[in-house]
Amino acid sequence: MLWGPDSTSTSKAGEEESDTADLAPPVDSRYQERGELGRGGMGTVLRVEDDRLLRQAAMKVLDPQLARSPEHVRAFLEEAQVTAQLEHPSVVPVHDIGPYPGGSCYFTMKLVEGRTLEQHVAERAATLGSPATMHEFLNIFLKLCDALAFAHSRGVLHCDLKPGNLMVGNFGEVYLMDWGLSRLIDVPDPQQRVRLSGMSPRAVLQSGISGTPSYMAPEQARCLAYTERTDIFGLGAILYFLVTGEAPFAADTVEESLSRASIASFVPPEELRSDLAVPPGLSHIIKKAMAREPSERYQQVQALKADVEVFLRGGFHFSTRIFAAGEKLMNEGEPGHAAYLITRGTCVAYKMIDGVRTELRRMGPGSVVGEMALLLERPRTATVEALEELHTVEVTRDMLHVGLGIDTWLGRMVRTLADRFRDLDEQITALRRAQGRSHG
């Protein structure tokens, strides 16, 4: 039999006889086929009805021609074994395994109602790059990171990360699919390592190039050693797709894709889609994950995930606003509906004290203006004017409530500090007015 620690293939009755001859019992009659879901390189996926548990499932059946090869049968069953042992919310559970009529074999798994990430992104092509869509895509990506980090902890590399192998369910589910090209690696705790049918390490059907050229790491395209960094490159390639809507190594021919993949030659996302204003921070994450040399990439999935989480918390979705030289960002005494983080250029804040313009401070990139009026919901205490073309990130009161949690203890602390600064500013202004009158 093919599963069992001491099992090996002993059939010599010709290539037409499959290892599945040793498997028992035959395909369970409880499964009623309900149509085809899709086809792949190894076989067909069917929708089936489980008459015992009264649920639908997906049944993957090995192609009958491939079932004549013991190596293909072994690889197919190993895919089922690897997937079954990766018990994670974003890895599809495997239910059953066995022989299929005609000399083939099958395994059943949870039926995912949804669409591939490739289809999901295509459906949102019109809103690609918008804050809402980017937020959704990045949260999908974080779930993918969780699934892959778990697989790595169990000694499994996926080795074929691409949008077509990621399913997005109708209720927020995200599933990393198709572990047919996975490879096993050593992990610190051997007890946590995925086990196969007496074969360790896995070496079946792993000769030559394997993977998808348009998303492939350089070491895959050059048939070099695979590590966790190989999958991290794949994560970067998927992130590239989520940002641009394009595969990093898309080309007219497979050969051209492989050539580009072998040297990690891709157009930077901000150059490929300048119309989308790709955030620099996100572009930096992509480029680091997709570095040509594995040593220059993130070394663990968790590190990549952490940077994406920081990016999400950093207000990437805030709108930008540009002020011309001489234009006022705000006027003293008016309501404070927004604050501005300066990203380029300089501005000046001033007050009118007894009819005299009194400059308070000049500010440049990294400075924030208008924050006190926004936090305290009180009128502006100064006028701010752009000294040159000024690029800013605009923060509204609604965004402040969401990002800071203005009603939390931290929010109250910030508001208290702002209130004290406001009182101090009013005291200083009153003192200057008094001094002006005394000199007059």
Protein backbone atom coordinates (compact mmCIF):
# COMPACT_ATOMS: atom_id res chain seq x y z
CA MET A 1 0.00 0.00 0.00
CA LEU A 2 1.11 3.60 -0.55
CA TRP A 3 0.27 4.82 2.90
CA GLY A 4 1.85 3.23 5.92
CA PRO A 5 5.38 3.75 7.17
CA ASP A 6 6.86 0.67 5.50
CA SER A 7 4.91 0.67 2.27
CA THR A 8 6.55 0.63 -1.16
CA SER A 9 5.32 0.03 -4.68
CA THR A 10 5.86 -3.60 -5.75
CA SER A 11 3.60 -3.88 -8.78
CA LYS A 12 5.50 -5.20 -11.82
CA ALA A 13 2.56 -6.17 -14.00
CA GLY A 14 3.36 -3.45 -16.52
CA GLU A 15 3.08 0.33 -16.53
CA GLU A 16 -0.66 0.09 -17.13
CA GLU A 17 -1.20 -1.27 -13.63
CA SER A 18 -1.38 1.43 -10.96
CA ASP A 19 -0.32 1.35 -7.33
CA THR A 20 -3.99 1.96 -6.58
CA ALA A 21 -4.55 -1.77 -7.07
CA ASP A 22 -3.37 -2.17 -3.48
CA LEU A 23 -5.86 0.31 -2.11
CA ALA A 24 -9.08 -0.77 -0.47
CA PRO A 25 -11.99 -0.30 -0.36
CA PRO A 26 -12.98 1.09 -3.83
CA VAL A 27 -14.46 4.59 -4.15
CA ASP A 28 -17.21 4.95 -1.58
CA SER A 29 -20.69 4.71 -3.08
CA ARG A 30 -21.81 7.49 -0.76
CA TYR A 31 -20.29 10.05 -3.14
CA GLN A 32 -22.60 11.15 -5.94
CA GLU A 33 -20.96 13.22 -8.67
CA ARG A 34 -22.58 16.60 -9.32
CA GLY A 35 -20.44 17.97 -12.13
CA GLU A 36 -16.93 19.19 -12.84
CA LEU A 37 -15.37 22.11 -10.98
CA GLY A 38 -12.11 22.37 -12.89
CA ARG A 39 -9.10 20.69 -14.45
CA GLY A 40 -5.39 20.90 -13.73
CA GLY A 41 -2.10 19.32 -14.67
CA MET A 42 -2.69 16.24 -12.52
CA GLY A 43 -6.39 15.62 -13.04
CA THR A 44 -9.95 16.79 -12.52
CA VAL A 45 -11.82 18.26 -9.57
CA LEU A 46 -15.44 17.18 -9.23
CA ARG A 47 -18.31 18.41 -7.10
CA VAL A 48 -19.73 15.47 -5.17
CA GLU A 49 -22.59 14.91 -2.74
CA ASP A 50 -21.78 13.00 0.43
CA ASP A 51 -24.95 10.98 1.14
CA ARG A 52 -23.85 10.06 4.66
CA LEU A 53 -22.88 13.45 6.03
CA LEU A 54 -25.40 15.27 3.80
CA ARG A 55 -22.89 17.79 2.52
CA GLN A 56 -21.15 18.63 -0.72
CA ALA A 57 -17.42 18.18 -1.15
CA ALA A 58 -14.73 18.52 -3.80
CA MET A 59 -13.17 15.33 -5.17
CA LYS A 60 -9.81 15.51 -6.90
CA VAL A 61 -9.25 12.59 -9.30
CA LEU A 62 -5.87 11.73 -10.81
CA ASP A 63 -5.82 11.69 -14.61
CA PRO A 64 -6.24 8.04 -15.77
CA GLN A 65 -3.17 8.26 -18.00
CA LEU A 66 -1.00 9.57 -15.14
CA ALA A 67 -2.44 6.87 -12.88
CA ARG A 68 -0.44 4.32 -14.87
CA SER A 69 2.76 5.82 -13.45
CA PRO A 70 3.61 4.78 -9.86
CA GLU A 71 5.54 8.04 -9.42
CA HIS A 72 2.51 10.16 -10.36
CA VAL A 73 0.25 8.12 -8.11
CA ARG A 74 2.69 8.54 -5.23
CA ALA A 75 2.94 12.31 -5.84
CA PHE A 76 -0.86 12.59 -5.95
CA LEU A 77 -1.30 10.73 -2.68
CA GLU A 78 1.49 12.73 -1.06
CA GLU A 79 -0.34 15.94 -1.99
CA ALA A 80 -3.35 14.60 -0.08
CA GLN A 81 -1.19 13.61 2.89
CA VAL A 82 0.60 16.97 3.06
CA THR A 83 -2.65 18.93 2.79
CA ALA A 84 -4.39 16.76 5.38
CA GLN A 85 -1.67 17.40 7.96
CA LEU A 86 -1.67 21.19 7.50
CA GLU A 87 -4.61 21.75 9.79
CA HIS A 88 -5.02 25.51 9.50
CA PRO A 89 -8.05 27.74 8.83
CA SER A 90 -6.58 28.81 5.49
CA VAL A 91 -5.70 25.32 4.25
CA VAL A 92 -8.57 23.24 2.85
CA PRO A 93 -9.32 20.17 5.02
CA VAL A 94 -8.96 16.75 3.36
CA HIS A 95 -11.74 14.28 4.21
CA ASP A 96 -11.05 10.99 2.46
CA ILE A 97 -8.72 9.16 0.07
CA GLY A 98 -8.95 6.00 -2.02
CA PRO A 99 -9.01 4.28 -5.45
CA TYR A 100 -11.22 5.49 -8.28
CA PRO A 101 -12.85 3.35 -11.00
CA GLY A 102 -10.63 2.80 -14.01
CA GLY A 103 -7.41 2.38 -12.06
CA SER A 104 -7.08 5.97 -10.83
CA CYS A 105 -7.32 7.42 -7.31
CA TYR A 106 -9.02 10.31 -5.55
CA PHE A 107 -9.16 12.36 -2.42
CA THR A 108 -12.02 14.49 -1.15
CA MET A 109 -11.79 17.84 0.57
CA LYS A 110 -13.90 20.75 1.72
CA LEU A 111 -15.79 22.40 -1.11
CA VAL A 112 -14.86 26.08 -1.23
CA GLU A 113 -17.61 28.28 -2.59
CA GLY A 114 -15.92 31.33 -4.03
CA ARG A 115 -13.39 32.29 -6.67
CA THR A 116 -9.67 32.38 -7.20
CA LEU A 117 -7.74 35.46 -6.17
CA GLU A 118 -7.09 36.04 -9.87
CA GLN A 119 -10.85 36.21 -10.52
CA HIS A 120 -11.44 38.26 -7.38
CA VAL A 121 -8.93 40.93 -8.44
CA ALA A 122 -10.34 40.98 -11.98
CA GLU A 123 -13.80 41.70 -10.56
CA ARG A 124 -12.38 44.75 -8.76
CA ALA A 125 -10.24 46.05 -11.61
CA ALA A 126 -12.19 49.32 -11.72
CA THR A 127 -11.35 50.09 -8.07
CA LEU A 128 -7.78 48.78 -8.03
CA GLY A 129 -5.60 51.10 -5.97
CA SER A 130 -8.48 52.66 -4.04
CA PRO A 131 -8.12 52.70 -0.25
CA ALA A 132 -11.06 50.33 0.32
CA THR A 133 -9.88 47.79 -2.25
CA MET A 134 -6.26 47.98 -1.09
CA HIS A 135 -7.36 47.44 2.51
CA GLU A 136 -9.36 44.37 1.47
CA PHE A 137 -6.54 42.92 -0.63
CA LEU A 138 -3.94 43.38 2.07
CA ASN A 139 -6.11 41.62 4.64
CA ILE A 140 -6.44 38.69 2.23
CA PHE A 141 -2.67 38.75 1.91
CA LEU A 142 -2.20 38.62 5.69
CA LYS A 143 -4.32 35.45 5.87
CA LEU A 144 -2.14 33.93 3.15
CA CYS A 145 0.93 34.81 5.22
CA ASP A 146 -0.58 33.02 8.22
CA ALA A 147 -1.20 29.85 6.20
CA LEU A 148 2.29 29.83 4.74
CA ALA A 149 4.00 30.56 8.05
CA PHE A 150 2.15 27.58 9.55
CA ALA A 151 3.22 25.34 6.65
CA HIS A 152 6.85 26.39 7.10
CA SER A 153 6.63 25.57 10.81
CA ARG A 154 5.62 22.04 9.75
CA GLY A 155 8.49 21.76 7.28
CA VAL A 156 6.48 22.31 4.09
CA LEU A 157 7.28 24.70 1.24
CA HIS A 158 4.43 25.40 -1.18
CA CYS A 159 6.63 26.22 -4.22
CA ASP A 160 3.77 27.33 -6.50
CA LEU A 161 2.37 30.52 -5.04
CA LYS A 162 0.18 32.35 -7.54
CA PRO A 163 -3.27 34.01 -7.56
CA GLY A 164 -4.81 30.97 -9.24
CA ASN A 165 -3.87 28.81 -6.23
CA LEU A 166 -5.57 31.07 -3.70
CA MET A 167 -9.33 30.85 -3.15
CA VAL A 168 -11.41 33.67 -1.69
CA GLY A 169 -14.68 32.51 -0.15
CA ASN A 170 -17.97 34.35 -0.05
CA PHE A 171 -17.73 35.08 3.68
CA GLY A 172 -14.14 36.20 4.13
CA GLU A 173 -12.52 32.76 3.89
CA VAL A 174 -9.08 32.57 2.29
CA TYR A 175 -7.59 29.21 1.29
CA LEU A 176 -4.13 28.37 -0.03
CA MET A 177 -4.72 25.53 -2.50
CA ASP A 178 -2.80 22.99 -4.60
CA TRP A 179 0.13 21.57 -2.62
CA GLY A 180 1.12 19.27 -5.47
CA LEU A 181 4.57 20.83 -5.92
CA SER A 182 5.31 21.18 -2.20
CA ARG A 183 8.67 20.16 -0.77
CA LEU A 184 9.70 19.10 2.70
CA ILE A 185 12.43 20.80 4.70
CA ASP A 186 13.90 20.23 8.14
CA VAL A 187 12.34 21.97 11.14
CA PRO A 188 13.70 22.38 14.69
CA ASP A 189 11.08 20.03 16.16
CA PRO A 190 10.91 16.77 14.16
CA GLN A 191 7.63 15.92 15.89
CA GLN A 192 6.01 18.89 14.13
CA ARG A 193 7.21 17.86 10.68
CA VAL A 194 4.73 16.62 8.10
CA ARG A 195 5.09 12.87 7.49
CA LEU A 196 4.70 10.96 4.24
CA SER A 197 4.29 7.27 3.50
CA GLY A 198 7.75 6.17 4.59
CA MET A 199 9.46 8.57 2.17
CA SER A 200 11.55 11.33 3.70
CA PRO A 201 12.57 13.72 2.35
CA ARG A 202 10.09 14.00 -0.49
CA ALA A 203 11.73 13.67 -3.89
CA VAL A 204 9.00 12.50 -6.25
CA LEU A 205 8.58 14.46 -9.48
CA GLN A 206 10.92 17.20 -8.29
CA SER A 207 13.46 17.10 -11.12
CA GLY A 208 13.70 20.05 -13.49
CA ILE A 209 11.83 23.35 -13.26
CA SER A 210 8.58 23.29 -11.30
CA GLY A 211 6.25 26.17 -10.59
CA THR A 212 4.60 29.00 -12.53
CA PRO A 213 7.14 31.12 -14.51
CA SER A 214 5.29 34.44 -14.19
CA TYR A 215 5.47 34.21 -10.35
CA MET A 216 8.63 32.14 -9.96
CA ALA A 217 11.62 32.86 -7.73
CA PRO A 218 15.03 33.06 -9.47
CA GLU A 219 16.26 29.87 -7.80
CA GLN A 220 13.24 28.00 -9.16
CA ALA A 221 13.84 29.23 -12.69
CA ARG A 222 17.52 28.22 -12.37
CA CYS A 223 16.83 24.83 -10.70
CA LEU A 224 18.72 25.75 -7.53
CA ALA A 225 17.97 24.86 -3.90
CA TYR A 226 14.60 25.89 -2.46
CA THR A 227 14.21 27.43 1.01
CA GLU A 228 11.57 29.37 2.92
CA ARG A 229 12.83 32.43 1.05
CA THR A 230 11.60 30.83 -2.18
CA ASP A 231 8.04 31.01 -0.89
CA ILE A 232 8.64 34.51 0.45
CA PHE A 233 9.53 35.58 -3.08
CA GLY A 234 6.21 34.07 -4.18
CA LEU A 235 4.41 36.10 -1.52
CA GLY A 236 6.07 39.23 -2.87
CA ALA A 237 4.96 38.30 -6.39
CA ILE A 238 1.35 37.90 -5.22
CA LEU A 239 1.55 41.26 -3.43
CA TYR A 240 2.86 42.75 -6.68
CA PHE A 241 -0.23 41.35 -8.44
CA LEU A 242 -2.57 42.74 -5.78
CA VAL A 243 -1.10 46.22 -6.23
CA THR A 244 -0.75 46.31 -10.02
CA GLY A 245 -3.19 43.70 -11.33
CA GLU A 246 -0.31 42.16 -13.30
CA ALA A 247 2.04 39.20 -12.82
CA PRO A 248 5.64 40.38 -12.23
CA PHE A 249 7.08 38.24 -15.02
CA ALA A 250 4.18 38.29 -17.47
CA ALA A 251 5.44 37.73 -21.02
CA ASP A 252 4.32 36.48 -24.42
CA THR A 253 6.15 33.17 -24.02
CA VAL A 254 7.06 30.79 -21.21
CA GLU A 255 10.71 31.10 -22.19
CA GLU A 256 10.62 34.86 -21.79
CA SER A 257 8.92 34.57 -18.39
CA LEU A 258 11.55 32.10 -17.24
CA SER A 259 14.33 34.36 -18.47
CA ARG A 260 12.96 37.32 -16.54
CA ALA A 261 12.28 35.20 -13.45
CA SER A 262 15.82 33.82 -13.44
CA ILE A 263 17.23 37.31 -12.77
CA ALA A 264 14.19 38.76 -10.93
CA SER A 265 13.70 41.31 -13.70
CA PHE A 266 10.39 43.07 -13.05
CA VAL A 267 9.15 46.60 -13.57
CA PRO A 268 8.83 48.35 -10.19
CA PRO A 269 5.13 48.50 -9.27
CA GLU A 270 5.06 52.30 -9.12
CA GLU A 271 6.44 52.48 -12.66
CA LEU A 272 4.16 49.78 -14.07
CA ARG A 273 1.04 51.49 -12.68
CA SER A 274 1.91 55.14 -12.16
CA ASP A 275 -1.81 55.88 -12.56
CA LEU A 276 -2.49 54.12 -9.24
CA ALA A 277 -0.04 56.13 -7.11
CA VAL A 278 1.47 53.01 -5.53
CA PRO A 279 2.48 53.91 -1.95
CA PRO A 280 6.29 53.97 -1.57
CA GLY A 281 6.14 51.96 1.65
CA LEU A 282 4.26 49.13 -0.01
CA SER A 283 6.56 49.21 -3.03
CA HIS A 284 9.54 48.86 -0.67
CA ILE A 285 7.98 45.77 0.94
CA ILE A 286 7.40 44.17 -2.47
CA LYS A 287 10.95 44.86 -3.66
CA LYS A 288 12.45 43.42 -0.48
CA ALA A 289 10.33 40.26 -0.69
CA MET A 290 11.27 39.88 -4.37
CA ALA A 291 14.99 40.55 -4.05
CA ARG A 292 17.07 38.51 -6.45
CA GLU A 293 19.29 37.11 -3.71
CA PRO A 294 17.45 35.06 -1.04
CA SER A 295 19.70 36.56 1.67
CA GLU A 296 18.34 40.03 0.85
CA ARG A 297 14.69 39.03 1.22
CA TYR A 298 12.65 38.77 4.38
CA GLN A 299 14.02 35.72 6.17
CA GLN A 300 10.70 34.66 7.66
CA VAL A 301 7.09 35.05 6.59
CA GLN A 302 6.25 36.66 9.94
CA ALA A 303 8.69 39.52 9.22
CA LEU A 304 7.00 40.24 5.89
CA LYS A 305 3.58 40.07 7.51
CA ALA A 306 4.68 42.46 10.27
CA ASP A 307 5.77 45.10 7.75
CA VAL A 308 2.44 44.85 5.89
CA GLU A 309 0.58 45.26 9.18
CA VAL A 310 2.64 48.36 10.01
CA PHE A 311 1.85 49.72 6.57
CA LEU A 312 -1.87 49.13 7.13
CA ARG A 313 -1.75 50.95 10.45
CA GLY A 314 0.23 53.83 8.98
CA GLY A 315 -2.67 55.60 7.31
CA PHE A 316 -1.85 54.68 3.69
CA HIS A 317 -5.51 55.23 2.84
CA PHE A 318 -5.49 58.89 3.86
CA SER A 319 -6.03 61.25 0.95
CA THR A 320 -3.30 63.59 -0.25
CA ARG A 321 -3.63 67.31 -0.88
CA ILE A 322 -1.34 69.79 -2.59
CA PHE A 323 -1.29 73.51 -1.77
CA ALA A 324 0.22 76.10 -4.12
CA ALA A 325 2.77 78.62 -2.87
CA GLY A 326 0.92 81.39 -0.98
CA GLU A 327 -2.20 79.26 -0.50
CA LYS A 328 -3.58 78.98 3.03
CA LEU A 329 -4.03 75.55 4.59
CA MET A 330 -6.19 77.05 7.37
CA ASN A 331 -7.20 80.38 8.82
CA GLU A 332 -7.15 81.54 12.42
CA GLY A 333 -10.59 81.29 14.03
CA GLU A 334 -12.17 78.89 11.54
CA PRO A 335 -13.38 75.39 12.56
CA GLY A 336 -10.75 72.63 12.44
CA HIS A 337 -12.04 69.82 10.24
CA ALA A 338 -8.67 68.38 9.19
CA ALA A 339 -4.99 68.19 10.06
CA TYR A 340 -2.12 67.84 7.59
CA LEU A 341 1.07 65.80 7.61
CA ILE A 342 3.64 67.55 5.42
CA THR A 343 5.46 65.24 3.00
CA ARG A 344 7.14 67.85 0.77
CA GLY A 345 7.69 71.62 0.89
CA THR A 346 7.53 74.19 3.72
CA CYS A 347 4.87 76.37 5.30
CA VAL A 348 4.62 79.07 7.94
CA ALA A 349 2.21 79.43 10.88
CA TYR A 350 1.38 82.92 12.12
CA LYS A 351 -1.11 84.90 14.22
CA MET A 352 -2.47 88.38 13.84
CA ILE A 353 -1.75 90.15 17.17
CA ASP A 354 -3.26 93.63 17.32
CA GLY A 355 -3.18 93.81 13.54
CA VAL A 356 0.44 92.73 13.27
CA ARG A 357 1.38 89.47 11.57
CA THR A 358 3.43 87.50 14.09
CA GLU A 359 5.26 84.47 12.78
CA LEU A 360 5.14 81.44 15.10
CA ARG A 361 7.13 78.75 13.29
CA ARG A 362 8.11 77.33 9.92
CA MET A 363 7.51 73.65 9.19
CA GLY A 364 8.67 71.11 6.63
CA PRO A 365 8.42 67.39 5.81
CA GLY A 366 7.40 65.29 8.82
CA SER A 367 5.63 68.13 10.62
CA VAL A 368 1.91 68.09 11.41
CA VAL A 369 -0.26 71.21 11.35
CA GLY A 370 -3.83 71.75 12.52
CA GLU A 371 -3.85 68.87 14.98
CA MET A 372 -5.05 70.75 18.08
CA ALA A 373 -8.19 72.14 16.49
CA LEU A 374 -8.94 68.69 15.07
CA LEU A 375 -8.42 66.88 18.36
CA LEU A 376 -10.32 69.40 20.49
CA GLU A 377 -13.00 70.32 17.93
CA ARG A 378 -12.29 74.00 18.58
CA PRO A 379 -11.43 76.93 16.25
CA ARG A 380 -7.99 77.31 14.71
CA THR A 381 -5.49 79.31 16.79
CA ALA A 382 -3.28 80.30 13.84
CA THR A 383 -3.15 80.70 10.09
CA VAL A 384 -0.89 78.38 8.08
CA GLU A 385 0.34 79.37 4.61
CA ALA A 386 2.39 77.41 2.06
CA LEU A 387 5.75 79.03 1.29
CA GLU A 388 6.21 76.80 -1.78
CA GLU A 389 4.25 73.98 -3.38
CA LEU A 390 3.25 71.92 -0.35
CA HIS A 391 2.39 68.20 -0.47
CA THR A 392 0.41 66.87 2.48
CA VAL A 393 -1.53 63.88 3.78
CA GLU A 394 -4.95 64.95 5.00
CA VAL A 395 -6.35 63.51 8.23
CA THR A 396 -10.04 64.08 8.97
CA ARG A 397 -11.87 63.76 12.27
CA ASP A 398 -13.49 60.46 11.18
CA MET A 399 -10.08 59.00 10.33
CA LEU A 400 -8.75 60.20 13.68
CA HIS A 401 -11.55 58.46 15.54
CA VAL A 402 -10.84 55.20 13.71
CA GLY A 403 -7.03 55.34 13.81
CA LEU A 404 -6.46 56.74 17.28
CA GLY A 405 -9.58 55.53 19.03
CA ILE A 406 -10.30 59.00 20.36
CA ASP A 407 -12.68 57.67 23.04
CA THR A 408 -10.14 55.19 24.43
CA TRP A 409 -7.78 55.97 27.33
CA LEU A 410 -5.02 56.75 24.82
CA GLY A 411 -7.29 59.07 22.89
CA ARG A 412 -8.30 60.89 26.07
CA MET A 413 -4.65 61.27 27.05
CA VAL A 414 -3.82 62.83 23.68
CA ARG A 415 -6.79 65.17 23.90
CA THR A 416 -5.75 66.24 27.41
CA LEU A 417 -2.23 67.06 26.20
CA ALA A 418 -3.64 69.00 23.25
CA ASP A 419 -5.93 70.93 25.60
CA ARG A 420 -2.97 71.91 27.79
CA PHE A 421 -0.95 73.07 24.78
CA ARG A 422 -3.95 75.09 23.65
CA ASP A 423 -4.20 76.79 27.05
CA LEU A 424 -0.46 77.52 26.99
CA ASP A 425 -0.73 78.97 23.48
CA GLU A 426 -3.57 81.27 24.57
CA GLN A 427 -1.55 82.43 27.59
CA ILE A 428 1.47 83.22 25.41
CA THR A 429 -0.72 85.10 22.91
CA ALA A 430 -2.31 87.15 25.71
CA LEU A 431 1.16 87.97 27.09
CA ARG A 432 2.38 89.15 23.67
CA ARG A 433 -0.65 91.37 23.26
CA ALA A 434 -0.09 92.88 26.70
CA GLN A 435 3.56 93.51 25.91
CA GLY A 436 2.62 95.14 22.62
CA ARG A 437 0.22 97.51 24.32
CA SER A 438 2.76 98.43 27.00
CA HIS A 439 5.32 99.33 24.35
CA GLY A 440 2.72 101.30 22.43
